[in-house]
PDB file of N, CA and C in Angstrom:
ATOM      1  N   MET A   1     -47.342 -76.397  31.638  1.00  0.00           N
ATOM      2  CA  MET A   1     -46.936 -75.157  32.638  1.00  0.00           C
ATOM      3  C   MET A   1     -46.236 -74.369  33.491  1.00  0.00           C
ATOM      4  N   ASN A   2     -45.505 -74.118  33.376  1.00  0.00           N
ATOM      5  CA  ASN A   2     -44.818 -72.946  34.162  1.00  0.00           C
ATOM      6  C   ASN A   2     -45.236 -72.472  35.367  1.00  0.00           C
ATOM      7  N   LYS A   3     -44.848 -72.540  36.177  1.00  0.00           N
ATOM      8  CA  LYS A   3     -45.943 -72.188  37.346  1.00  0.00           C
ATOM      9  C   LYS A   3     -45.234 -71.198  37.601  1.00  0.00           C
ATOM     10  N   ARG A   4     -45.315 -70.405  38.392  1.00  0.00           N
ATOM     11  CA  ARG A   4     -44.229 -69.353  38.951  1.00  0.00           C
ATOM     12  C   ARG A   4     -44.731 -69.123  40.518  1.00  0.00           C
ATOM     13  N   VAL A   5     -42.448 -68.927  40.782  1.00  0.00           N
ATOM     14  CA  VAL A   5     -42.412 -69.135  41.897  1.00  0.00           C
ATOM     15  C   VAL A   5     -42.194 -68.032  43.188  1.00  0.00           C
ATOM     16  N   TYR A   6     -42.920 -66.951  44.058  1.00  0.00           N
ATOM     17  CA  TYR A   6     -42.707 -65.728  44.507  1.00  0.00           C
ATOM     18  C   TYR A   6     -41.574 -67.203  45.594  1.00  0.00           C
ATOM     19  N   HIS A   7     -41.012 -65.489  45.480  1.00  0.00           N
ATOM     20  CA  HIS A   7     -39.544 -65.866  46.295  1.00  0.00           C
ATOM     21  C   HIS A   7     -39.526 -64.520  47.565  1.00  0.00           C
ATOM     22  N   ARG A   8     -39.359 -64.887  48.749  1.00  0.00           N
ATOM     23  CA  ARG A   8     -40.509 -63.715  49.951  1.00  0.00           C
ATOM     24  C   ARG A   8     -38.607 -63.728  50.362  1.00  0.00           C
ATOM     25  N   TRP A   9     -37.919 -62.722  50.065  1.00  0.00           N
ATOM     26  CA  TRP A   9     -36.365 -62.691  51.117  1.00  0.00           C
ATOM     27  C   TRP A   9     -36.524 -62.112  51.653  1.00  0.00           C
ATOM     28  N   THR A  10     -36.300 -61.738  53.001  1.00  0.00           N
ATOM     29  CA  THR A  10     -35.569 -62.069  54.439  1.00  0.00           C
ATOM     30  C   THR A  10     -34.745 -60.594  54.783  1.00  0.00           C
ATOM     31  N   ASP A  11     -35.429 -60.203  56.024  1.00  0.00           N
ATOM     32  CA  ASP A  11     -33.916 -58.705  55.789  1.00  0.00           C
ATOM     33  C   ASP A  11     -32.810 -59.378  55.223  1.00  0.00           C
ATOM     34  N   LYS A  12     -31.861 -59.592  55.996  1.00  0.00           N
ATOM     35  CA  LYS A  12     -30.713 -60.809  55.950  1.00  0.00           C
ATOM     36  C   LYS A  12     -30.193 -61.301  54.486  1.00  0.00           C
ATOM     37  N   GLU A  13     -31.022 -61.390  53.635  1.00  0.00           N
ATOM     38  CA  GLU A  13     -30.729 -62.135  52.424  1.00  0.00           C
ATOM     39  C   GLU A  13     -30.468 -60.813  51.232  1.00  0.00           C
ATOM     40  N   ALA A  14     -31.867 -59.571  51.537  1.00  0.00           N
ATOM     41  CA  ALA A  14     -31.861 -58.141  50.959  1.00  0.00           C
ATOM     42  C   ALA A  14     -30.410 -57.471  50.937  1.00  0.00           C
ATOM     43  N   ARG A  15     -30.037 -57.798  52.950  1.00  0.00           N
ATOM     44  CA  ARG A  15     -28.841 -56.859  52.857  1.00  0.00           C
ATOM     45  C   ARG A  15     -27.778 -57.771  52.631  1.00  0.00           C
ATOM     46  N   LEU A  16     -27.834 -58.816  52.416  1.00  0.00           N
ATOM     47  CA  LEU A  16     -26.461 -59.726  51.108  1.00  0.00           C
ATOM     48  C   LEU A  16     -26.291 -59.397  50.226  1.00  0.00           C
ATOM     49  N   LEU A  17     -28.143 -58.596  49.782  1.00  0.00           N
ATOM     50  CA  LEU A  17     -27.481 -58.597  48.182  1.00  0.00           C
ATOM     51  C   LEU A  17     -27.397 -56.951  48.091  1.00  0.00           C
ATOM     52  N   TYR A  18     -27.541 -56.365  48.379  1.00  0.00           N
ATOM     53  CA  TYR A  18     -27.525 -54.849  48.506  1.00  0.00           C
ATOM     54  C   TYR A  18     -26.340 -54.496  48.952  1.00  0.00           C
ATOM     55  N   GLN A  19     -24.763 -55.272  50.119  1.00  0.00           N
ATOM     56  CA  GLN A  19     -24.336 -55.699  50.334  1.00  0.00           C
ATOM     57  C   GLN A  19     -23.021 -55.460  49.230  1.00  0.00           C
ATOM     58  N   ALA A  20     -23.464 -57.543  48.655  1.00  0.00           N
ATOM     59  CA  ALA A  20     -22.680 -57.903  47.354  1.00  0.00           C
ATOM     60  C   ALA A  20     -22.148 -56.335  46.531  1.00  0.00           C
ATOM     61  N   VAL A  21     -23.653 -56.095  45.624  1.00  0.00           N
ATOM     62  CA  VAL A  21     -23.498 -55.047  44.649  1.00  0.00           C
ATOM     63  C   VAL A  21     -23.209 -54.621  44.349  1.00  0.00           C
ATOM     64  N   LEU A  22     -22.876 -53.530  46.367  1.00  0.00           N
ATOM     65  CA  LEU A  22     -21.936 -52.616  46.491  1.00  0.00           C
ATOM     66  C   LEU A  22     -20.367 -52.741  46.633  1.00  0.00           C
ATOM     67  N   ASP A  23     -20.117 -54.055  47.056  1.00  0.00           N
ATOM     68  CA  ASP A  23     -18.544 -54.097  47.067  1.00  0.00           C
ATOM     69  C   ASP A  23     -18.025 -55.097  45.942  1.00  0.00           C
ATOM     70  N   SER A  24     -18.917 -55.535  45.075  1.00  0.00           N
ATOM     71  CA  SER A  24     -18.619 -55.042  43.512  1.00  0.00           C
ATOM     72  C   SER A  24     -18.900 -54.639  42.673  1.00  0.00           C
ATOM     73  N   ASN A  25     -18.889 -53.598  42.986  1.00  0.00           N
ATOM     74  CA  ASN A  25     -18.948 -51.914  42.224  1.00  0.00           C
ATOM     75  C   ASN A  25     -19.666 -52.446  41.622  1.00  0.00           C
ATOM     76  N   ARG A  26     -20.686 -52.799  41.100  1.00  0.00           N
ATOM     77  CA  ARG A  26     -22.487 -53.400  40.760  1.00  0.00           C
ATOM     78  C   ARG A  26     -21.607 -54.314  39.273  1.00  0.00           C
ATOM     79  N   ASN A  27     -20.517 -54.899  39.698  1.00  0.00           N
ATOM     80  CA  ASN A  27     -20.441 -56.224  38.654  1.00  0.00           C
ATOM     81  C   ASN A  27     -21.266 -57.240  39.128  1.00  0.00           C
ATOM     82  N   TRP A  28     -22.258 -56.892  38.311  1.00  0.00           N
ATOM     83  CA  TRP A  28     -24.018 -58.111  38.336  1.00  0.00           C
ATOM     84  C   TRP A  28     -23.821 -59.617  37.865  1.00  0.00           C
ATOM     85  N   ARG A  29     -22.163 -59.482  37.436  1.00  0.00           N
ATOM     86  CA  ARG A  29     -22.436 -61.180  36.900  1.00  0.00           C
ATOM     87  C   ARG A  29     -21.471 -61.336  38.008  1.00  0.00           C
ATOM     88  N   ALA A  30     -20.748 -60.991  39.186  1.00  0.00           N
ATOM     89  CA  ALA A  30     -20.124 -61.355  40.612  1.00  0.00           C
ATOM     90  C   ALA A  30     -20.878 -61.890  41.371  1.00  0.00           C
ATOM     91  N   VAL A  31     -21.734 -60.076  40.902  1.00  0.00           N
ATOM     92  CA  VAL A  31     -23.715 -60.646  42.077  1.00  0.00           C
ATOM     93  C   VAL A  31     -23.900 -62.306  41.870  1.00  0.00           C
ATOM     94  N   GLU A  32     -24.752 -62.611  40.714  1.00  0.00           N
ATOM     95  CA  GLU A  32     -25.106 -63.456  39.921  1.00  0.00           C
ATOM     96  C   GLU A  32     -24.379 -64.786  40.383  1.00  0.00           C
ATOM     97  N   LYS A  33     -23.194 -65.426  40.823  1.00  0.00           N
ATOM     98  CA  LYS A  33     -22.322 -66.317  41.042  1.00  0.00           C
ATOM     99  C   LYS A  33     -23.591 -66.362  42.082  1.00  0.00           C
ATOM    100  N   MET A  34     -22.776 -65.431  42.644  1.00  0.00           N
ATOM    101  CA  MET A  34     -22.787 -65.737  44.490  1.00  0.00           C
ATOM    102  C   MET A  34     -24.655 -65.682  45.260  1.00  0.00           C
ATOM    103  N   PHE A  35     -25.482 -65.388  44.470  1.00  0.00           N
ATOM    104  CA  PHE A  35     -26.726 -65.725  43.948  1.00  0.00           C
ATOM    105  C   PHE A  35     -27.436 -66.536  42.864  1.00  0.00           C
ATOM    106  N   PRO A  36     -26.891 -67.776  42.691  1.00  0.00           N
ATOM    107  CA  PRO A  36     -27.312 -68.554  41.590  1.00  0.00           C
ATOM    108  C   PRO A  36     -29.203 -68.496  41.433  1.00  0.00           C
ATOM    109  N   GLN A  37     -29.821 -68.985  42.380  1.00  0.00           N
ATOM    110  CA  GLN A  37     -30.833 -69.122  42.373  1.00  0.00           C
ATOM    111  C   GLN A  37     -32.002 -68.018  41.986  1.00  0.00           C
ATOM    112  N   PHE A  38     -31.462 -66.964  42.034  1.00  0.00           N
ATOM    113  CA  PHE A  38     -32.061 -66.022  40.988  1.00  0.00           C
ATOM    114  C   PHE A  38     -31.416 -65.613  39.402  1.00  0.00           C
ATOM    115  N   SER A  39     -32.036 -64.933  38.232  1.00  0.00           N
ATOM    116  CA  SER A  39     -31.096 -64.208  37.223  1.00  0.00           C
ATOM    117  C   SER A  39     -31.537 -63.161  37.709  1.00  0.00           C
ATOM    118  N   LEU A  40     -30.623 -62.418  36.418  1.00  0.00           N
ATOM    119  CA  LEU A  40     -29.929 -61.251  36.732  1.00  0.00           C
ATOM    120  C   LEU A  40     -30.558 -60.081  36.690  1.00  0.00           C
ATOM    121  N   LEU A  41     -32.263 -60.146  35.739  1.00  0.00           N
ATOM    122  CA  LEU A  41     -32.456 -59.577  35.935  1.00  0.00           C
ATOM    123  C   LEU A  41     -33.647 -59.303  37.324  1.00  0.00           C
ATOM    124  N   GLN A  42     -33.827 -60.887  38.369  1.00  0.00           N
ATOM    125  CA  GLN A  42     -34.784 -60.586  39.465  1.00  0.00           C
ATOM    126  C   GLN A  42     -33.532 -59.818  40.117  1.00  0.00           C
ATOM    127  N   LEU A  43     -32.371 -60.055  40.191  1.00  0.00           N
ATOM    128  CA  LEU A  43     -31.936 -59.788  41.006  1.00  0.00           C
ATOM    129  C   LEU A  43     -31.081 -58.311  40.384  1.00  0.00           C
ATOM    130  N   GLN A  44     -31.231 -57.780  39.556  1.00  0.00           N
ATOM    131  CA  GLN A  44     -31.241 -56.369  39.494  1.00  0.00           C
ATOM    132  C   GLN A  44     -32.643 -55.288  39.905  1.00  0.00           C
ATOM    133  N   ASN A  45     -33.627 -56.242  40.118  1.00  0.00           N
ATOM    134  CA  ASN A  45     -35.029 -55.740  40.056  1.00  0.00           C
ATOM    135  C   ASN A  45     -34.531 -55.380  41.611  1.00  0.00           C
ATOM    136  N   LYS A  46     -34.805 -56.571  42.466  1.00  0.00           N
ATOM    137  CA  LYS A  46     -34.833 -56.697  43.989  1.00  0.00           C
ATOM    138  C   LYS A  46     -33.752 -55.482  44.357  1.00  0.00           C
ATOM    139  N   PHE A  47     -32.390 -55.058  43.769  1.00  0.00           N
ATOM    140  CA  PHE A  47     -31.362 -54.380  44.646  1.00  0.00           C
ATOM    141  C   PHE A  47     -32.424 -53.144  44.801  1.00  0.00           C
ATOM    142  N   THR A  48     -33.481 -52.762  43.386  1.00  0.00           N
ATOM    143  CA  THR A  48     -34.050 -51.151  42.850  1.00  0.00           C
ATOM    144  C   THR A  48     -34.710 -51.446  43.685  1.00  0.00           C
ATOM    145  N   ILE A  49     -35.696 -52.232  44.424  1.00  0.00           N
ATOM    146  CA  ILE A  49     -36.612 -51.622  44.871  1.00  0.00           C
ATOM    147  C   ILE A  49     -35.829 -52.126  46.752  1.00  0.00           C
ATOM    148  N   ILE A  50     -34.912 -52.231  47.002  1.00  0.00           N
ATOM    149  CA  ILE A  50     -34.037 -52.277  48.173  1.00  0.00           C
ATOM    150  C   ILE A  50     -32.920 -50.562  48.190  1.00  0.00           C
ATOM    151  N   GLU A  51     -32.539 -50.207  46.937  1.00  0.00           N
ATOM    152  CA  GLU A  51     -32.150 -49.544  46.901  1.00  0.00           C
ATOM    153  C   GLU A  51     -33.055 -47.808  48.160  1.00  0.00           C
ATOM    154  N   LYS A  52     -34.368 -48.325  47.190  1.00  0.00           N
ATOM    155  CA  LYS A  52     -35.172 -46.652  47.218  1.00  0.00           C
ATOM    156  C   LYS A  52     -35.917 -46.659  48.175  1.00  0.00           C
ATOM    157  N   GLN A  53     -36.107 -48.424  49.573  1.00  0.00           N
ATOM    158  CA  GLN A  53     -36.376 -48.769  50.766  1.00  0.00           C
ATOM    159  C   GLN A  53     -35.486 -47.218  51.588  1.00  0.00           C
ATOM    160  N   TYR A  54     -34.236 -47.945  51.367  1.00  0.00           N
ATOM    161  CA  TYR A  54     -33.171 -47.375  51.969  1.00  0.00           C
ATOM    162  C   TYR A  54     -33.033 -45.694  51.927  1.00  0.00           C
ATOM    163  N   VAL A  55     -33.238 -45.168  51.121  1.00  0.00           N
ATOM    164  CA  VAL A  55     -33.165 -43.819  50.023  1.00  0.00           C
ATOM    165  C   VAL A  55     -34.551 -43.233  50.518  1.00  0.00           C
ATOM    166  N   THR A  56     -35.230 -43.741  50.856  1.00  0.00           N
ATOM    167  CA  THR A  56     -36.500 -43.566  51.691  1.00  0.00           C
ATOM    168  C   THR A  56     -36.651 -43.083  53.015  1.00  0.00           C
ATOM    169  N   ASN A  57     -36.463 -44.425  53.844  1.00  0.00           N
ATOM    170  CA  ASN A  57     -35.934 -44.817  54.859  1.00  0.00           C
ATOM    171  C   ASN A  57     -35.372 -43.780  55.593  1.00  0.00           C
ATOM    172  N   ALA A  58     -34.178 -43.460  54.948  1.00  0.00           N
ATOM    173  CA  ALA A  58     -33.131 -42.746  54.973  1.00  0.00           C
ATOM    174  C   ALA A  58     -34.000 -41.117  54.892  1.00  0.00           C
ATOM    175  N   SER A  59     -34.699 -40.523  54.016  1.00  0.00           N
ATOM    176  CA  SER A  59     -34.455 -39.183  54.038  1.00  0.00           C
ATOM    177  C   SER A  59     -36.007 -38.811  54.996  1.00  0.00           C
ATOM    178  N   ARG A  60     -36.995 -40.303  55.576  1.00  0.00           N
ATOM    179  CA  ARG A  60     -37.558 -39.784  56.259  1.00  0.00           C
ATOM    180  C   ARG A  60     -37.486 -39.637  58.030  1.00  0.00           C
ATOM    181  N   ARG A  61     -35.831 -39.759  58.129  1.00  0.00           N
ATOM    182  CA  ARG A  61     -34.866 -40.458  59.121  1.00  0.00           C
ATOM    183  C   ARG A  61     -34.690 -38.765  58.941  1.00  0.00           C
ATOM    184  N   VAL A  62     -33.925 -37.954  58.157  1.00  0.00           N
ATOM    185  CA  VAL A  62     -33.440 -36.182  58.007  1.00  0.00           C
ATOM    186  C   VAL A  62     -34.473 -35.589  58.803  1.00  0.00           C
ATOM    187  N   GLN A  63     -35.893 -35.630  58.189  1.00  0.00           N
ATOM    188  CA  GLN A  63     -36.549 -34.751  58.076  1.00  0.00           C
ATOM    189  C   GLN A  63     -37.499 -35.359  59.289  1.00  0.00           C
ATOM    190  N   LYS A  64     -37.266 -36.342  60.404  1.00  0.00           N
ATOM    191  CA  LYS A  64     -38.028 -36.067  61.723  1.00  0.00           C
ATOM    192  C   LYS A  64     -37.118 -35.422  62.377  1.00  0.00           C
ATOM    193  N   LEU A  65     -35.115 -35.245  61.636  1.00  0.00           N
ATOM    194  CA  LEU A  65     -34.892 -35.041  63.147  1.00  0.00           C
ATOM    195  C   LEU A  65     -34.597 -33.217  62.708  1.00  0.00           C
ATOM    196  N   GLN A  66     -34.607 -33.050  61.433  1.00  0.00           N
ATOM    197  CA  GLN A  66     -34.869 -31.411  60.940  1.00  0.00           C
ATOM    198  C   GLN A  66     -36.539 -30.819  61.782  1.00  0.00           C
ATOM    199  N   GLU A  67     -37.858 -31.530  62.001  1.00  0.00           N
ATOM    200  CA  GLU A  67     -38.806 -31.320  62.407  1.00  0.00           C
ATOM    201  C   GLU A  67     -38.658 -31.717  63.851  1.00  0.00           C
ATOM    202  N   ALA A  68     -37.879 -32.268  64.838  1.00  0.00           N
ATOM    203  CA  ALA A  68     -37.916 -32.817  66.607  1.00  0.00           C
ATOM    204  C   ALA A  68     -36.989 -30.789  66.154  1.00  0.00           C
ATOM    205  N   SER A  69     -35.633 -30.807  66.008  1.00  0.00           N
ATOM    206  CA  SER A  69     -35.073 -29.693  65.836  1.00  0.00           C
ATOM    207  C   SER A  69     -35.347 -28.444  65.707  1.00  0.00           C
ATOM    208  N   PRO A  70     -34.943 -27.215  66.043  1.00  0.00           N
ATOM    209  CA  PRO A  70     -35.129 -26.294  66.298  1.00  0.00           C
ATOM    210  C   PRO A  70     -34.130 -25.576  65.077  1.00  0.00           C
ATOM    211  N   PRO A  71     -34.766 -24.490  63.861  1.00  0.00           N
ATOM    212  CA  PRO A  71     -33.993 -24.595  62.750  1.00  0.00           C
ATOM    213  C   PRO A  71     -32.828 -23.762  63.260  1.00  0.00           C
ATOM    214  N   GLN A  72     -31.416 -23.536  63.544  1.00  0.00           N
ATOM    215  CA  GLN A  72     -30.469 -23.444  63.476  1.00  0.00           C
ATOM    216  C   GLN A  72     -29.609 -22.158  62.928  1.00  0.00           C
ATOM    217  N   PRO A  73     -29.476 -20.977  62.999  1.00  0.00           N
ATOM    218  CA  PRO A  73     -28.696 -19.465  62.151  1.00  0.00           C
ATOM    219  C   PRO A  73     -27.745 -20.764  61.387  1.00  0.00           C
ATOM    220  N   ASP A  74     -27.540 -20.263  60.621  1.00  0.00           N
ATOM    221  CA  ASP A  74     -26.203 -21.092  59.996  1.00  0.00           C
ATOM    222  C   ASP A  74     -24.976 -20.190  60.522  1.00  0.00           C
ATOM    223  N   ASP A  75     -23.542 -20.707  61.212  1.00  0.00           N
ATOM    224  CA  ASP A  75     -22.880 -19.712  61.603  1.00  0.00           C
ATOM    225  C   ASP A  75     -22.354 -19.150  60.636  1.00  0.00           C
ATOM    226  N   THR A  76     -22.669 -19.189  59.747  1.00  0.00           N
ATOM    227  CA  THR A  76     -20.810 -18.182  58.397  1.00  0.00           C
ATOM    228  C   THR A  76     -21.946 -16.834  59.329  1.00  0.00           C
ATOM    229  N   LEU A  77     -23.423 -17.221  59.078  1.00  0.00           N
ATOM    230  CA  LEU A  77     -24.480 -15.541  58.621  1.00  0.00           C
ATOM    231  C   LEU A  77     -24.236 -15.588  60.218  1.00  0.00           C
ATOM    232  N   GLN A  78     -24.084 -15.900  61.649  1.00  0.00           N
ATOM    233  CA  GLN A  78     -24.082 -15.420  62.770  1.00  0.00           C
ATOM    234  C   GLN A  78     -22.196 -14.611  62.651  1.00  0.00           C
ATOM    235  N   ALA A  79     -22.281 -15.475  62.674  1.00  0.00           N
ATOM    236  CA  ALA A  79     -20.558 -14.605  62.047  1.00  0.00           C
ATOM    237  C   ALA A  79     -20.092 -13.668  61.813  1.00  0.00           C
ATOM    238  N   LEU A  80     -21.311 -13.723  60.498  1.00  0.00           N
ATOM    239  CA  LEU A  80     -20.990 -12.081  60.276  1.00  0.00           C
ATOM    240  C   LEU A  80     -21.506 -10.720  60.583  1.00  0.00           C
ATOM    241  N   ILE A  81     -22.781 -11.162  61.272  1.00  0.00           N
ATOM    242  CA  ILE A  81     -23.657 -10.307  61.643  1.00  0.00           C
ATOM    243  C   ILE A  81     -22.441  -9.424  63.263  1.00  0.00           C
ATOM    244  N   ARG A  82     -22.118 -10.983  63.596  1.00  0.00           N
ATOM    245  CA  ARG A  82     -21.046 -10.374  64.929  1.00  0.00           C
ATOM    246  C   ARG A  82     -19.940  -9.389  64.337  1.00  0.00           C
ATOM    247  N   ILE A  83     -20.262 -10.323  63.287  1.00  0.00           N
ATOM    248  CA  ILE A  83     -18.206  -9.152  62.792  1.00  0.00           C
ATOM    249  C   ILE A  83     -19.449  -7.697  62.639  1.00  0.00           C
ATOM    250  N   LEU A  84     -20.060  -7.348  61.666  1.00  0.00           N
ATOM    251  CA  LEU A  84     -21.160  -6.369  61.736  1.00  0.00           C
ATOM    252  C   LEU A  84     -21.285  -5.696  63.030  1.00  0.00           C
ATOM    253  N   GLU A  85     -22.264  -6.563  64.387  1.00  0.00           N
ATOM    254  CA  GLU A  85     -22.306  -5.814  65.609  1.00  0.00           C
ATOM    255  C   GLU A  85     -20.739  -4.722  66.024  1.00  0.00           C
ATOM    256  N   SER A  86     -19.777  -5.280  65.571  1.00  0.00           N
ATOM    257  CA  SER A  86     -18.543  -5.567  66.558  1.00  0.00           C
ATOM    258  C   SER A  86     -17.783  -4.147  65.791  1.00  0.00           C
ATOM    259  N   SER A  87     -18.311  -4.014  64.526  1.00  0.00           N
ATOM    260  CA  SER A  87     -17.915  -2.861  64.537  1.00  0.00           C
ATOM    261  C   SER A  87     -18.750  -1.782  63.686  1.00  0.00           C
ATOM    262  N   ASN A  88     -19.705  -1.862  64.426  1.00  0.00           N
ATOM    263  CA  ASN A  88     -21.631  -0.923  64.811  1.00  0.00           C
ATOM    264  C   ASN A  88     -21.892  -0.993  63.270  1.00  0.00           C
ATOM    265  N   LEU A  89     -22.219  -1.508  62.315  1.00  0.00           N
ATOM    266  CA  LEU A  89     -22.039  -1.569  61.251  1.00  0.00           C
ATOM    267  C   LEU A  89     -23.564  -1.580  60.818  1.00  0.00           C
ATOM    268  N   VAL A  90     -24.646  -2.520  62.083  1.00  0.00           N
ATOM    269  CA  VAL A  90     -25.692  -2.940  62.341  1.00  0.00           C
ATOM    270  C   VAL A  90     -26.120  -2.262  63.630  1.00  0.00           C
ATOM    271  N   ASN A  91     -26.782  -1.478  63.715  1.00  0.00           N
ATOM    272  CA  ASN A  91     -27.292  -1.173  64.700  1.00  0.00           C
ATOM    273  C   ASN A  91     -28.741  -2.400  65.075  1.00  0.00           C
ATOM    274  N   ASN A  92     -28.074  -2.969  66.785  1.00  0.00           N
ATOM    275  CA  ASN A  92     -28.394  -3.338  67.548  1.00  0.00           C
ATOM    276  C   ASN A  92     -29.657  -2.731  68.704  1.00  0.00           C
ATOM    277  N   GLU A  93     -30.740  -2.204  68.281  1.00  0.00           N
ATOM    278  CA  GLU A  93     -31.411  -1.786  68.971  1.00  0.00           C
ATOM    279  C   GLU A  93     -33.362  -2.665  68.642  1.00  0.00           C
TER     280      GLU A  93
END
């Protein structure tokens, strides 16, 4: 009976896989040659997991930055308001 062996990916291995996939333009056969101990399906599954983690972490960072800084008015809107104020089309009361 075949016994499954679980491989615990290190951060370094995960980064190498992620970079290899991006560098090869998702040429999975080339990536498979770089990681011969894994099947193509294992590599694709692990890449999907890593990609989701990166996207989730990036969106969390953006959300934290947005929460930390007060909302800034749009520069275009401010420029338009200044133009309207200077032409006396907007009341400044």
